[in-house]
N, C-alpha and C. Protein backbone atom coordinates (compact mmCIF):
# COMPACT_ATOMS: atom_id res chain seq x y z
N MET A 1 -12.87 -0.18 -10.12
CA MET A 1 -11.64 0.43 -9.68
C MET A 1 -10.60 0.24 -10.77
N LEU A 2 -9.94 1.27 -11.15
CA LEU A 2 -8.92 1.20 -12.19
C LEU A 2 -7.54 1.23 -11.57
N ALA A 3 -6.62 0.51 -12.17
CA ALA A 3 -5.25 0.46 -11.66
C ALA A 3 -4.62 1.84 -11.63
N GLU A 4 -5.03 2.72 -12.53
CA GLU A 4 -4.45 4.05 -12.59
C GLU A 4 -4.80 4.90 -11.37
N GLN A 5 -5.75 4.45 -10.56
CA GLN A 5 -6.15 5.23 -9.39
C GLN A 5 -5.13 5.18 -8.27
N VAL A 6 -4.22 4.22 -8.29
CA VAL A 6 -3.24 4.06 -7.23
C VAL A 6 -1.85 4.34 -7.78
N ALA A 7 -1.08 5.12 -7.02
CA ALA A 7 0.27 5.48 -7.46
C ALA A 7 1.18 4.26 -7.43
N GLU A 8 2.30 4.33 -8.14
CA GLU A 8 3.28 3.24 -8.14
C GLU A 8 4.07 3.22 -6.84
N GLN A 9 4.16 4.37 -6.17
CA GLN A 9 4.83 4.47 -4.88
C GLN A 9 3.97 5.28 -3.94
N VAL A 10 4.10 5.01 -2.65
CA VAL A 10 3.30 5.69 -1.64
C VAL A 10 4.14 5.87 -0.39
N THR A 11 3.92 6.97 0.32
CA THR A 11 4.62 7.14 1.59
C THR A 11 3.79 6.51 2.70
N TRP A 12 4.46 6.13 3.75
CA TRP A 12 3.80 5.55 4.92
C TRP A 12 2.79 6.54 5.48
N GLY A 13 3.13 7.81 5.44
CA GLY A 13 2.23 8.85 5.93
C GLY A 13 0.94 8.95 5.12
N GLU A 14 1.01 8.72 3.80
CA GLU A 14 -0.20 8.76 2.97
C GLU A 14 -1.19 7.67 3.37
N LEU A 15 -0.67 6.59 3.93
CA LEU A 15 -1.54 5.51 4.41
C LEU A 15 -2.01 5.74 5.84
N GLY A 16 -1.54 6.81 6.44
CA GLY A 16 -1.95 7.11 7.81
C GLY A 16 -1.07 6.46 8.87
N CYS A 17 0.14 6.04 8.50
CA CYS A 17 1.08 5.38 9.41
C CYS A 17 0.40 4.23 10.16
N PRO A 18 -0.04 3.20 9.44
CA PRO A 18 -0.78 2.10 10.07
C PRO A 18 -0.01 1.43 11.21
N LYS A 19 -0.74 1.04 12.23
CA LYS A 19 -0.18 0.33 13.38
C LYS A 19 -0.66 -1.12 13.41
N ALA A 20 -1.57 -1.49 12.49
CA ALA A 20 -2.12 -2.85 12.44
C ALA A 20 -2.24 -3.29 10.99
N ILE A 21 -2.17 -4.61 10.79
CA ILE A 21 -2.35 -5.14 9.43
C ILE A 21 -3.78 -4.89 8.98
N GLY A 22 -3.96 -4.83 7.66
CA GLY A 22 -5.31 -4.62 7.14
C GLY A 22 -5.27 -3.90 5.81
N ALA A 23 -6.44 -3.44 5.39
CA ALA A 23 -6.59 -2.70 4.14
C ALA A 23 -6.80 -1.22 4.46
N TYR A 24 -6.06 -0.38 3.77
CA TYR A 24 -6.13 1.07 4.00
C TYR A 24 -6.47 1.78 2.70
N ARG A 25 -7.25 2.86 2.81
CA ARG A 25 -7.72 3.60 1.63
C ARG A 25 -6.61 4.49 1.10
N LEU A 26 -6.47 4.48 -0.22
CA LEU A 26 -5.51 5.35 -0.90
C LEU A 26 -6.09 5.70 -2.26
N HIS A 27 -6.38 6.96 -2.49
CA HIS A 27 -6.91 7.43 -3.77
C HIS A 27 -8.14 6.62 -4.20
N GLY A 28 -9.02 6.31 -3.27
CA GLY A 28 -10.25 5.61 -3.59
C GLY A 28 -10.11 4.11 -3.73
N ALA A 29 -8.92 3.57 -3.52
CA ALA A 29 -8.70 2.13 -3.62
C ALA A 29 -8.26 1.60 -2.25
N SER A 30 -8.29 0.30 -2.10
CA SER A 30 -7.88 -0.35 -0.88
C SER A 30 -6.50 -0.98 -1.08
N VAL A 31 -5.55 -0.67 -0.18
CA VAL A 31 -4.19 -1.18 -0.27
C VAL A 31 -3.93 -2.04 0.97
N ARG A 32 -3.54 -3.31 0.75
CA ARG A 32 -3.28 -4.21 1.86
C ARG A 32 -1.90 -3.94 2.47
N VAL A 33 -1.87 -3.92 3.80
CA VAL A 33 -0.64 -3.72 4.55
C VAL A 33 -0.43 -4.96 5.42
N LYS A 34 0.78 -5.53 5.36
CA LYS A 34 1.13 -6.69 6.16
C LYS A 34 2.02 -6.27 7.34
N ASN A 35 2.17 -7.17 8.29
CA ASN A 35 2.98 -6.88 9.47
C ASN A 35 4.42 -6.52 9.10
N ILE A 36 4.99 -7.17 8.10
CA ILE A 36 6.36 -6.87 7.69
C ILE A 36 6.50 -5.41 7.23
N HIS A 37 5.46 -4.86 6.62
CA HIS A 37 5.50 -3.46 6.18
C HIS A 37 5.54 -2.52 7.39
N ILE A 38 4.77 -2.87 8.42
CA ILE A 38 4.75 -2.06 9.64
C ILE A 38 6.13 -2.06 10.29
N ILE A 39 6.77 -3.22 10.30
CA ILE A 39 8.10 -3.34 10.91
C ILE A 39 9.13 -2.52 10.14
N VAL A 40 9.19 -2.68 8.80
CA VAL A 40 10.23 -1.99 8.04
C VAL A 40 9.95 -0.50 7.86
N ALA A 41 8.73 -0.07 8.06
CA ALA A 41 8.41 1.37 7.98
C ALA A 41 9.04 2.13 9.15
N GLU A 42 9.27 1.44 10.26
CA GLU A 42 9.90 2.05 11.43
C GLU A 42 9.18 3.32 11.88
N ASP A 43 7.85 3.34 11.70
CA ASP A 43 7.01 4.47 12.10
C ASP A 43 7.47 5.80 11.49
N ASP A 44 8.08 5.73 10.31
CA ASP A 44 8.56 6.92 9.60
C ASP A 44 7.55 7.32 8.53
N PRO A 45 6.83 8.43 8.69
CA PRO A 45 5.84 8.83 7.71
C PRO A 45 6.42 9.13 6.33
N ARG A 46 7.75 9.33 6.26
CA ARG A 46 8.40 9.61 4.98
C ARG A 46 8.89 8.34 4.28
N ALA A 47 8.73 7.18 4.91
CA ALA A 47 9.13 5.91 4.29
C ALA A 47 8.34 5.72 2.99
N ILE A 48 9.04 5.33 1.94
CA ILE A 48 8.40 5.16 0.62
C ILE A 48 8.37 3.67 0.27
N PHE A 49 7.18 3.22 -0.15
CA PHE A 49 6.97 1.83 -0.55
C PHE A 49 6.47 1.77 -1.99
N THR A 50 6.78 0.67 -2.65
CA THR A 50 6.15 0.43 -3.95
C THR A 50 4.74 -0.09 -3.69
N VAL A 51 3.88 0.03 -4.70
CA VAL A 51 2.54 -0.52 -4.64
C VAL A 51 2.45 -1.59 -5.73
N VAL A 52 2.09 -2.80 -5.33
CA VAL A 52 1.99 -3.92 -6.25
C VAL A 52 0.53 -4.09 -6.65
N THR A 53 0.28 -4.22 -7.94
CA THR A 53 -1.07 -4.45 -8.45
C THR A 53 -1.21 -5.91 -8.84
N LEU A 54 -2.18 -6.58 -8.24
CA LEU A 54 -2.48 -7.97 -8.58
C LEU A 54 -3.72 -7.98 -9.47
N HIS A 55 -3.67 -8.75 -10.54
CA HIS A 55 -4.78 -8.83 -11.48
C HIS A 55 -5.38 -10.23 -11.45
N PRO A 56 -6.35 -10.48 -10.55
CA PRO A 56 -6.98 -11.80 -10.51
C PRO A 56 -7.77 -12.04 -11.79
N PRO A 57 -7.99 -13.32 -12.16
CA PRO A 57 -8.71 -13.61 -13.40
C PRO A 57 -10.13 -13.05 -13.40
N LEU A 58 -10.74 -12.99 -12.24
CA LEU A 58 -12.08 -12.42 -12.11
C LEU A 58 -12.05 -11.32 -11.07
N GLY A 59 -12.79 -10.27 -11.32
CA GLY A 59 -12.88 -9.19 -10.36
C GLY A 59 -11.88 -8.08 -10.62
N PRO A 60 -11.97 -7.05 -9.79
CA PRO A 60 -11.11 -5.87 -9.97
C PRO A 60 -9.68 -6.14 -9.51
N PRO A 61 -8.75 -5.27 -9.93
CA PRO A 61 -7.36 -5.41 -9.46
C PRO A 61 -7.31 -5.25 -7.94
N GLU A 62 -6.30 -5.86 -7.34
CA GLU A 62 -6.07 -5.72 -5.90
C GLU A 62 -4.70 -5.08 -5.71
N PHE A 63 -4.57 -4.29 -4.65
CA PHE A 63 -3.33 -3.56 -4.40
C PHE A 63 -2.76 -3.92 -3.04
N MET A 64 -1.43 -4.03 -2.99
CA MET A 64 -0.76 -4.26 -1.71
C MET A 64 0.59 -3.57 -1.74
N LEU A 65 1.11 -3.30 -0.55
CA LEU A 65 2.43 -2.70 -0.49
C LEU A 65 3.47 -3.71 -0.93
N GLY A 66 4.53 -3.18 -1.55
CA GLY A 66 5.65 -4.00 -1.96
C GLY A 66 6.83 -3.73 -1.06
N HIS A 67 7.96 -3.37 -1.64
CA HIS A 67 9.20 -3.14 -0.91
C HIS A 67 9.34 -1.69 -0.49
N ARG A 68 10.04 -1.48 0.61
CA ARG A 68 10.41 -0.13 1.00
C ARG A 68 11.59 0.28 0.13
N VAL A 69 11.49 1.46 -0.47
CA VAL A 69 12.55 1.92 -1.37
C VAL A 69 13.31 3.12 -0.79
N ALA A 70 12.77 3.75 0.21
CA ALA A 70 13.46 4.88 0.84
C ALA A 70 12.88 5.15 2.21
């Protein structure tokens, strides 16, 4: 999985408006969603979040939602 496969920002709707914590598919990669993201998204499919890329010393990059920006 390449970091370029995931956008720097994503809408809540692109993730399918998650109702539970977990990993959700986005452009062939898995993006982790936490409970705080569900709360601040306010069930708005147009809510925009940053995507944070974590680079562990071993293995592929990992992706998770960052801050809501809009």
